[in-house]
Amino acid sequence: MTTLTPSASPRIVRELADDLAVDADLRDRAGKPPFDEVSRLREAGLPALLTPSGQDSQGGRGSDWRTVCTAVRDIAAADSSIAELLAHHHALSWSPRLFATPDDAAALELRAVHEQWLWGGDIDLPDAQTDADLALTPAADGYVLHGRRPLTSGVAVADRLVHTARRTDNGDWVVVHVSPAHPGVSAEPAHDLLGQRLSGAGGVSYDDVPLAAHQVLGTVPVDEHEIAPFTSLAPLTRRLLLVQVGLGNAEGALGEARDISRALPRPALTAALSTGGDCGPPPTDPYLLLAYGELATAAHTAAAVADRAAEALAQGLRTGPALGADERADIAFLVGAAEAVTAKAALHITTRVLELTADAPSPSTDPGLDRFWRNARALTAHSSAAHRLRDIGEHYLNGLQ
C-alpha cells in the first residue's frame, strides 16, 4: 500500500486517474464488478486517505473536504464509476462521527483506516412514511438483521455496509454496519446498467445476520425536527460528493473531446459544425472556438458553485455537534444549487461533445465519449431538478428547507 501524506496525495490521485483513463472505455464496455479497480485503489492507499481521519494515523492532519472533492473529481474525469464508488465510501465513512459516540467513532475509524475498509451501503433519514426494508430484532447476545435493500452502493466490493434499519421491539430507526463476508449476506450486483456500470451497485439481502451491540452506531429520530443538524449532514455529504462525480465526468468528456477536435481534419470539423464554409485550420475555426468556449464556461460555472458548497459543508463538518439549524439550512441551500447547476451543465456538455466529435475519422481516435453521456444520465436520473429548485426557492423566500 502506498503511504500518503498531505503533500503526496494529489500526485498519487493524478497518477491513479491517468492509470484508470488508459482502459476506461474497455472496462466500461465489459461491465464487470470492479475487483481489479478496487485493487488499484488499495495500492494507491485511497480507501484510507478518503476518510475523516485517514491521514491522522499516518502523522497527517486528516482528509479535509477540499482534498476529498479534488480527488473524487480527478478520478471522475477518468472513470466516474470508480469515482462514485469513492464518493459513497467517503460519505459513509462519516457515519461513525455522525451517529455514534465519540469514543466508539474513534475506535471504529482507527480500525477502518488500519484495515483499509471500503465503505458501501446507504443511509436514509426516515420519516413517518418511510417503509422499513431492514428489520433489526434484539437477540440474547445482540441483534439479528433481516430484509433486503434493492439498490445500494458498493455491494460487490465493500468491506463494510452501512444501513438504516428499524427495530422490531420499539420501532426505533437505527444505523448499523455489517460485514458482507457473513454467509447470511447475499450481494446481487446490478447488470446491464445504462451508465456508472463499474460502481459496484446492486441489491443486498440479509438472512438473520447476527450483529453485536457495537455494530449499532446510533438511533435516528423519525421527526426531522428532532434530528441534530450535524447528524442531518449525512445525506448532504453524499449528495455533494456525487456532484463532484458528475462535474468530473463532464470535465473528462470535455477534455477528451478537445483532444479529438484538435486532431480532426478541417472538412470533418466543417461538417460537424455545419458551417458550410472554409473556416481555416481546426485550432482557429470560429465556430469551434465558440462551441468550446460555451462548454468550458459551463464547466467553470458549475465548478465555482460546487466549490462554494464544498467550503460551506466543510465548515459545517468542522463545527461538529455545535452546528445550528440555520447553518445547516444554508449548507443544504448551497448543495441543492450545486446539484441543479452541475446536472444541467453535465448533461449539456456530454451531449454537445458527441455532436462536435461525431465525424472523427476512425474508431481508433474515439475514446468512447458515449460513456460520459451515459454516466451523466445515470448520475442525474434520481435527482429531480424541479425538486431541488423548489427547495432552493423555499429557502430563498422563506428561509426554510
Protein backbone atom coordinates (compact mmCIF):
# COMPACT_ATOMS: atom_id res chain seq x y z
CA MET A 1 0.00 0.00 0.00
CA THR A 2 1.26 3.48 -0.82
CA THR A 3 1.80 5.69 2.25
CA LEU A 4 0.06 9.00 1.65
CA THR A 5 0.89 12.36 3.14
CA PRO A 6 -0.97 15.65 2.52
CA SER A 7 1.72 16.77 0.06
CA ALA A 8 1.88 13.45 -1.81
CA SER A 9 -1.82 12.68 -2.14
CA PRO A 10 -2.57 14.95 -5.16
CA ARG A 11 0.24 13.34 -7.11
CA ILE A 12 -0.94 9.82 -6.20
CA VAL A 13 -4.51 10.69 -7.23
CA ARG A 14 -3.37 12.10 -10.58
CA GLU A 15 -1.27 9.01 -11.27
CA LEU A 16 -4.21 6.75 -10.43
CA ALA A 17 -6.53 8.80 -12.63
CA ASP A 18 -4.08 8.53 -15.53
CA ASP A 19 -3.91 4.77 -14.99
CA LEU A 20 -7.69 4.39 -14.95
CA ALA A 21 -8.09 6.54 -18.06
CA VAL A 22 -5.98 4.21 -20.20
CA ASP A 23 -8.56 1.42 -20.35
CA ALA A 24 -11.68 3.18 -19.04
CA ASP A 25 -13.72 2.61 -22.19
CA LEU A 26 -12.82 -1.09 -22.43
CA ARG A 27 -13.66 -1.69 -18.77
CA ASP A 28 -16.92 0.22 -19.11
CA ARG A 29 -17.99 -1.89 -22.07
CA ALA A 30 -17.12 -5.11 -20.22
CA GLY A 31 -19.17 -4.01 -17.23
CA LYS A 32 -17.57 -6.46 -14.78
CA PRO A 33 -17.60 -5.98 -10.98
CA PRO A 34 -14.73 -3.59 -10.13
CA PHE A 35 -12.46 -6.02 -8.27
CA ASP A 36 -9.37 -5.01 -10.24
CA GLU A 37 -10.20 -1.32 -9.86
CA VAL A 38 -10.57 -1.66 -6.09
CA SER A 39 -7.16 -3.32 -6.00
CA ARG A 40 -5.75 -0.26 -7.75
CA LEU A 41 -7.44 1.98 -5.17
CA ARG A 42 -5.95 -0.01 -2.31
CA GLU A 43 -2.49 0.03 -3.87
CA ALA A 44 -2.77 3.83 -4.06
CA GLY A 45 -3.97 4.00 -0.44
CA LEU A 46 -7.18 5.87 -1.27
CA PRO A 47 -9.66 3.97 0.93
CA ALA A 48 -7.66 5.03 3.99
CA LEU A 49 -6.96 8.54 2.72
CA LEU A 50 -10.56 9.36 1.87
CA THR A 51 -11.91 9.02 5.40
CA PRO A 52 -12.34 11.71 8.09
CA SER A 53 -9.19 10.58 9.91
CA GLY A 54 -7.43 8.82 7.07
CA GLN A 55 -4.21 10.82 7.38
CA ASP A 56 -4.28 11.16 11.17
CA SER A 57 -3.00 7.61 11.60
CA GLN A 58 -0.13 8.43 9.23
CA GLY A 59 1.02 11.58 11.01
CA GLY A 60 -1.05 14.00 8.92
CA ARG A 61 -3.99 16.24 9.62
CA GLY A 62 -6.91 14.20 8.28
CA SER A 63 -8.60 14.45 4.91
CA ASP A 64 -10.26 17.82 4.50
CA TRP A 65 -13.11 18.32 2.11
CA ARG A 66 -11.05 20.14 -0.50
CA THR A 67 -8.69 17.17 -0.69
CA VAL A 68 -11.60 14.74 -0.98
CA CYS A 69 -13.57 16.76 -3.54
CA THR A 70 -10.48 17.27 -5.70
CA ALA A 71 -9.63 13.57 -5.55
CA VAL A 72 -13.14 12.45 -6.44
CA ARG A 73 -13.40 14.97 -9.29
CA ASP A 74 -9.99 14.00 -10.72
CA ILE A 75 -10.85 10.30 -10.62
CA ALA A 76 -14.28 11.01 -12.17
CA ALA A 77 -12.68 12.71 -15.17
CA ALA A 78 -11.02 9.38 -15.93
CA ASP A 79 -13.65 6.92 -14.66
CA SER A 80 -16.77 8.28 -12.98
CA SER A 81 -17.96 4.82 -11.91
CA ILE A 82 -14.92 4.38 -9.68
CA ALA A 83 -15.28 7.97 -8.51
CA GLU A 84 -18.86 7.20 -7.47
CA LEU A 85 -17.59 4.21 -5.51
CA LEU A 86 -15.14 6.53 -3.71
CA ALA A 87 -17.81 9.19 -3.18
CA HIS A 88 -20.12 6.78 -1.40
CA HIS A 89 -17.15 5.37 0.51
CA HIS A 90 -16.15 8.75 1.91
CA ALA A 91 -19.70 9.87 2.69
CA LEU A 92 -20.40 6.63 4.54
CA SER A 93 -17.06 6.73 6.36
CA TRP A 94 -18.50 9.73 8.25
CA SER A 95 -21.26 7.50 9.70
CA PRO A 96 -19.42 6.79 12.98
CA ARG A 97 -18.82 10.50 13.64
CA LEU A 98 -22.36 11.48 12.70
CA PHE A 99 -24.25 8.75 14.56
CA ALA A 100 -22.03 7.05 17.18
CA THR A 101 -20.50 8.29 20.42
CA PRO A 102 -17.09 9.98 20.08
CA ASP A 103 -15.23 7.07 21.71
CA ASP A 104 -16.97 4.43 19.59
CA ALA A 105 -16.45 6.51 16.45
CA ALA A 106 -12.73 6.95 17.11
CA ALA A 107 -12.21 3.22 17.64
CA LEU A 108 -14.15 2.25 14.54
CA GLU A 109 -12.38 4.82 12.36
CA LEU A 110 -8.99 3.62 13.56
CA ARG A 111 -9.83 0.05 12.61
CA ALA A 112 -11.28 1.10 9.24
CA VAL A 113 -8.15 3.04 8.33
CA HIS A 114 -5.79 0.31 9.53
CA GLU A 115 -7.62 -2.36 7.52
CA GLN A 116 -8.33 -0.06 4.53
CA TRP A 117 -12.06 -0.69 4.62
CA LEU A 118 -14.05 0.33 1.60
CA TRP A 119 -17.43 1.52 2.88
CA GLY A 120 -20.65 0.81 0.98
CA GLY A 121 -24.36 0.86 1.65
CA ASP A 122 -26.84 3.70 2.07
CA ILE A 123 -28.32 5.85 4.80
CA ASP A 124 -31.83 7.27 4.52
CA LEU A 125 -33.04 9.66 7.18
CA PRO A 126 -36.51 8.17 7.83
CA ASP A 127 -39.82 9.90 8.30
CA ALA A 128 -43.25 8.71 9.35
CA GLN A 129 -43.99 7.41 5.84
CA THR A 130 -40.73 5.51 5.35
CA ASP A 131 -41.11 1.75 4.96
CA ALA A 132 -38.56 -0.48 6.65
CA ASP A 133 -36.64 -2.68 4.20
CA LEU A 134 -34.46 -4.00 7.02
CA ALA A 135 -35.66 -5.25 10.39
CA LEU A 136 -33.42 -5.43 13.44
CA THR A 137 -34.55 -7.85 16.15
CA PRO A 138 -32.97 -7.94 19.62
CA ALA A 139 -31.35 -11.27 20.50
CA ALA A 140 -29.67 -12.74 23.56
CA ASP A 141 -26.18 -11.58 22.53
CA GLY A 142 -27.01 -8.58 20.32
CA TYR A 143 -29.33 -8.33 17.33
CA VAL A 144 -30.41 -10.13 14.18
CA LEU A 145 -30.73 -8.28 10.86
CA HIS A 146 -33.20 -9.45 8.23
CA GLY A 147 -34.50 -7.99 4.96
CA ARG A 148 -33.38 -6.71 1.57
CA ARG A 149 -32.20 -3.43 0.16
CA PRO A 150 -32.96 -3.33 -3.61
CA LEU A 151 -30.25 -0.84 -4.55
CA THR A 152 -27.23 0.15 -2.55
CA SER A 153 -23.68 1.23 -3.31
CA GLY A 154 -20.61 -0.96 -3.40
CA VAL A 155 -22.33 -4.25 -2.58
CA ALA A 156 -19.98 -6.19 -4.88
CA VAL A 157 -16.73 -4.94 -3.32
CA ALA A 158 -17.33 -3.19 0.03
CA ASP A 159 -15.71 -4.32 3.28
CA ARG A 160 -18.47 -2.78 5.40
CA LEU A 161 -22.06 -1.94 4.52
CA VAL A 162 -23.94 0.78 6.39
CA HIS A 163 -27.75 0.91 6.53
CA THR A 164 -30.71 2.30 8.39
CA ALA A 165 -32.88 -0.44 9.89
CA ARG A 166 -35.97 -0.48 12.12
CA ARG A 167 -36.04 -2.26 15.45
CA THR A 168 -38.88 -4.74 15.78
CA ASP A 169 -39.28 -4.23 19.54
CA ASN A 170 -39.75 -0.47 19.84
CA GLY A 171 -39.92 0.81 16.25
CA ASP A 172 -36.77 2.94 16.55
CA TRP A 173 -34.71 3.62 13.45
CA VAL A 174 -31.01 2.87 13.87
CA VAL A 175 -27.83 2.99 11.78
CA VAL A 176 -25.92 -0.29 11.60
CA HIS A 177 -22.76 -1.51 9.93
CA VAL A 178 -22.39 -5.08 8.66
CA SER A 179 -19.61 -7.25 7.29
CA PRO A 180 -20.69 -8.56 3.87
CA ALA A 181 -18.44 -11.58 4.42
CA HIS A 182 -21.05 -13.21 6.68
CA PRO A 183 -22.72 -16.19 4.94
CA GLY A 184 -26.16 -14.70 5.64
CA VAL A 185 -25.37 -11.70 3.44
CA SER A 186 -26.15 -12.10 -0.27
CA ALA A 187 -24.94 -9.45 -2.69
CA GLU A 188 -26.76 -9.09 -6.01
CA PRO A 189 -24.66 -6.85 -8.30
CA ALA A 190 -26.66 -4.90 -10.87
CA HIS A 191 -26.10 -5.78 -14.53
CA ASP A 192 -26.75 -4.09 -17.89
CA LEU A 193 -26.81 -0.58 -16.42
CA LEU A 194 -27.15 2.41 -18.74
CA GLY A 195 -24.27 4.19 -17.06
CA GLN A 196 -22.00 4.04 -14.00
CA ARG A 197 -21.53 0.36 -14.78
CA LEU A 198 -18.49 -0.18 -12.53
CA SER A 199 -19.79 1.44 -9.34
CA GLY A 200 -20.43 -1.93 -7.69
CA ALA A 201 -24.08 -1.08 -7.04
CA GLY A 202 -26.77 -3.69 -6.59
CA GLY A 203 -29.16 -5.28 -4.16
CA VAL A 204 -28.25 -6.96 -0.90
CA SER A 205 -30.19 -9.40 1.28
CA TYR A 206 -29.74 -10.24 4.96
CA ASP A 207 -30.96 -13.60 6.21
CA ASP A 208 -30.95 -13.39 10.01
CA VAL A 209 -27.44 -11.95 10.16
CA PRO A 210 -26.24 -11.59 13.77
CA LEU A 211 -24.96 -8.15 14.83
CA ALA A 212 -23.11 -7.29 18.01
CA ALA A 213 -24.25 -4.30 20.05
CA HIS A 214 -21.29 -2.20 18.84
CA GLN A 215 -22.47 -2.63 15.24
CA VAL A 216 -25.42 -0.38 16.01
CA LEU A 217 -23.97 3.11 15.65
CA GLY A 218 -26.91 5.11 16.92
CA THR A 219 -30.60 6.00 16.73
CA VAL A 220 -32.17 8.31 14.13
CA PRO A 221 -35.34 10.18 15.21
CA VAL A 222 -38.31 9.90 12.84
CA ASP A 223 -39.24 13.56 13.39
CA GLU A 224 -36.84 15.60 11.25
CA HIS A 225 -37.00 18.45 13.77
CA GLU A 226 -35.52 16.16 16.42
CA ILE A 227 -32.52 15.18 14.29
CA ALA A 228 -29.42 17.13 15.28
CA PRO A 229 -28.30 19.48 12.46
CA PHE A 230 -24.84 17.87 12.48
CA THR A 231 -26.30 14.37 12.09
CA SER A 232 -28.55 15.57 9.26
CA LEU A 233 -25.46 16.44 7.23
CA ALA A 234 -25.22 12.74 6.34
CA PRO A 235 -27.30 12.90 3.13
CA LEU A 236 -25.71 16.22 2.14
CA THR A 237 -22.20 14.73 2.20
CA ARG A 238 -23.30 12.03 -0.24
CA ARG A 239 -25.17 14.45 -2.49
CA LEU A 240 -22.29 16.90 -2.72
CA LEU A 241 -19.75 14.20 -3.47
CA LEU A 242 -21.98 12.91 -6.28
CA VAL A 243 -21.98 16.49 -7.60
CA GLN A 244 -18.19 16.19 -7.78
CA VAL A 245 -18.56 12.90 -9.66
CA GLY A 246 -20.90 14.48 -12.21
CA LEU A 247 -18.68 17.52 -12.60
CA GLY A 248 -15.55 15.43 -13.06
CA ASN A 249 -17.32 13.26 -15.62
CA ALA A 250 -18.27 16.37 -17.62
CA GLU A 251 -14.74 17.75 -17.39
CA GLY A 252 -13.37 14.41 -18.57
CA ALA A 253 -15.71 14.41 -21.56
CA LEU A 254 -14.71 17.95 -22.45
CA GLY A 255 -11.01 17.13 -22.24
CA GLU A 256 -11.35 14.01 -24.40
CA ALA A 257 -13.40 15.91 -26.97
CA ARG A 258 -10.84 18.70 -27.10
CA ASP A 259 -8.10 16.20 -27.96
CA ILE A 260 -10.22 14.71 -30.75
CA SER A 261 -11.17 18.11 -32.17
CA ARG A 262 -7.57 19.20 -32.26
CA ALA A 263 -6.73 16.14 -34.37
CA LEU A 264 -9.69 16.32 -36.75
CA PRO A 265 -9.03 17.44 -40.36
CA ARG A 266 -10.77 20.64 -41.44
CA PRO A 267 -13.50 19.03 -43.62
CA ALA A 268 -14.70 16.86 -40.71
CA LEU A 269 -14.90 19.87 -38.44
CA THR A 270 -16.79 21.84 -41.03
CA ALA A 271 -19.33 19.05 -41.41
CA ALA A 272 -19.69 18.54 -37.68
CA LEU A 273 -20.37 22.22 -37.07
CA SER A 274 -22.49 22.77 -40.22
CA THR A 275 -20.57 25.91 -41.12
CA GLY A 276 -20.67 25.25 -44.84
CA GLY A 277 -17.55 27.28 -45.48
CA ASP A 278 -13.80 27.39 -45.26
CA CYS A 279 -13.05 28.40 -41.66
CA GLY A 280 -9.36 27.71 -41.65
CA PRO A 281 -7.43 25.11 -39.67
CA PRO A 282 -9.15 23.50 -36.67
CA PRO A 283 -7.43 25.49 -33.90
CA THR A 284 -8.75 28.79 -35.33
CA ASP A 285 -12.20 27.74 -36.54
CA PRO A 286 -14.52 30.42 -35.03
CA TYR A 287 -17.48 28.08 -34.68
CA LEU A 288 -15.36 25.51 -32.91
CA LEU A 289 -13.95 28.16 -30.59
CA LEU A 290 -17.46 29.39 -29.82
CA ALA A 291 -18.68 25.87 -29.04
CA TYR A 292 -15.79 25.04 -26.73
CA GLY A 293 -15.95 28.49 -25.13
CA GLU A 294 -19.56 27.83 -24.20
CA LEU A 295 -18.82 24.37 -22.81
CA ALA A 296 -15.73 25.48 -20.87
CA THR A 297 -17.72 28.33 -19.33
CA ALA A 298 -20.48 25.95 -18.29
CA ALA A 299 -17.93 23.66 -16.63
CA HIS A 300 -16.19 26.53 -14.82
CA THR A 301 -19.52 27.94 -13.62
CA ALA A 302 -20.60 24.58 -12.21
CA ALA A 303 -17.20 24.16 -10.55
CA ALA A 304 -17.47 27.57 -8.85
CA VAL A 305 -20.91 26.74 -7.42
CA ALA A 306 -19.77 23.27 -6.32
CA ASP A 307 -16.64 24.70 -4.66
CA ARG A 308 -18.71 27.18 -2.66
CA ALA A 309 -21.00 24.39 -1.45
CA ALA A 310 -17.97 22.25 -0.56
CA GLU A 311 -16.48 25.04 1.53
CA ALA A 312 -19.76 25.54 3.40
CA LEU A 313 -20.14 21.82 4.08
CA ALA A 314 -16.51 21.61 5.20
CA GLN A 315 -17.19 24.37 7.72
CA GLY A 316 -20.29 22.55 8.96
CA LEU A 317 -18.36 19.33 9.48
CA ARG A 318 -15.61 21.21 11.31
CA THR A 319 -18.20 22.81 13.58
CA GLY A 320 -19.48 19.37 14.58
CA PRO A 321 -22.34 18.88 17.06
CA ALA A 322 -22.46 22.63 17.74
CA LEU A 323 -23.81 23.21 14.22
CA GLY A 324 -27.07 25.17 14.26
CA ALA A 325 -30.25 24.61 12.26
CA ASP A 326 -29.83 27.86 10.28
CA GLU A 327 -26.28 26.95 9.30
CA ARG A 328 -27.43 23.52 8.20
CA ALA A 329 -30.20 25.07 6.09
CA ASP A 330 -27.70 27.37 4.38
CA ILE A 331 -25.49 24.36 3.58
CA ALA A 332 -28.46 22.47 2.14
CA PHE A 333 -29.30 25.52 0.00
CA LEU A 334 -25.80 25.60 -1.48
CA VAL A 335 -25.69 21.84 -2.05
CA GLY A 336 -29.04 21.98 -3.86
CA ALA A 337 -27.80 24.84 -6.04
CA ALA A 338 -24.65 22.87 -6.88
CA GLU A 339 -26.76 19.85 -7.85
CA ALA A 340 -29.05 21.89 -10.10
CA VAL A 341 -26.26 23.80 -11.87
CA THR A 342 -23.97 20.80 -12.28
CA ALA A 343 -26.70 18.48 -13.56
CA LYS A 344 -27.64 20.97 -16.28
CA ALA A 345 -24.02 21.60 -17.26
CA ALA A 346 -23.08 17.90 -17.25
CA LEU A 347 -25.97 16.85 -19.47
CA HIS A 348 -25.33 19.73 -21.88
CA ILE A 349 -21.57 19.16 -22.08
CA THR A 350 -21.73 15.38 -22.51
CA THR A 351 -24.40 15.72 -25.22
CA ARG A 352 -22.67 18.53 -27.12
CA VAL A 353 -19.26 16.82 -27.26
CA LEU A 354 -20.87 13.87 -29.04
CA GLU A 355 -22.03 16.29 -31.74
CA LEU A 356 -18.66 18.01 -32.01
CA THR A 357 -16.80 14.72 -32.45
CA ALA A 358 -19.40 12.82 -34.48
CA ASP A 359 -17.21 12.81 -37.60
CA ALA A 360 -13.99 11.54 -36.07
CA PRO A 361 -12.12 9.86 -38.97
CA SER A 362 -11.79 6.40 -37.39
CA PRO A 363 -12.92 4.46 -34.32
CA SER A 364 -9.33 4.28 -33.15
CA THR A 365 -9.44 8.02 -32.36
CA ASP A 366 -12.69 7.70 -30.39
CA PRO A 367 -12.11 7.12 -26.65
CA GLY A 368 -15.75 6.15 -26.12
CA LEU A 369 -17.34 9.54 -25.45
CA ASP A 370 -20.76 7.91 -25.24
CA ARG A 371 -19.85 6.58 -21.79
CA PHE A 372 -19.63 10.13 -20.44
CA TRP A 373 -23.15 10.86 -21.71
CA ARG A 374 -24.50 7.60 -20.28
CA ASN A 375 -22.81 8.25 -16.96
CA ALA A 376 -24.23 11.77 -16.80
CA ARG A 377 -27.71 10.40 -17.44
CA ALA A 378 -27.31 7.77 -14.74
CA LEU A 379 -26.00 10.27 -12.19
CA THR A 380 -28.87 12.71 -12.72
CA ALA A 381 -31.72 10.22 -13.17
CA HIS A 382 -32.62 10.02 -9.47
CA SER A 383 -32.29 13.72 -8.64
CA SER A 384 -35.15 15.90 -9.84
CA ALA A 385 -34.00 19.37 -10.84
CA ALA A 386 -37.52 20.68 -10.22
CA HIS A 387 -37.45 19.42 -6.63
CA ARG A 388 -34.04 20.97 -5.99
CA LEU A 389 -35.10 24.30 -7.45
CA ARG A 390 -38.31 24.24 -5.40
CA ASP A 391 -36.28 23.68 -2.23
CA ILE A 392 -33.91 26.48 -3.20
CA GLY A 393 -36.85 28.82 -3.81
CA GLU A 394 -38.42 27.86 -0.47
CA HIS A 395 -35.19 28.67 1.35
CA TYR A 396 -34.66 31.91 -0.56
CA LEU A 397 -38.20 33.20 0.00
CA ASN A 398 -38.99 31.83 3.43
CA GLY A 399 -35.68 30.84 4.98
CA LEU A 400 -36.77 27.20 5.20
CA GLN A 401 -35.50 23.99 3.70
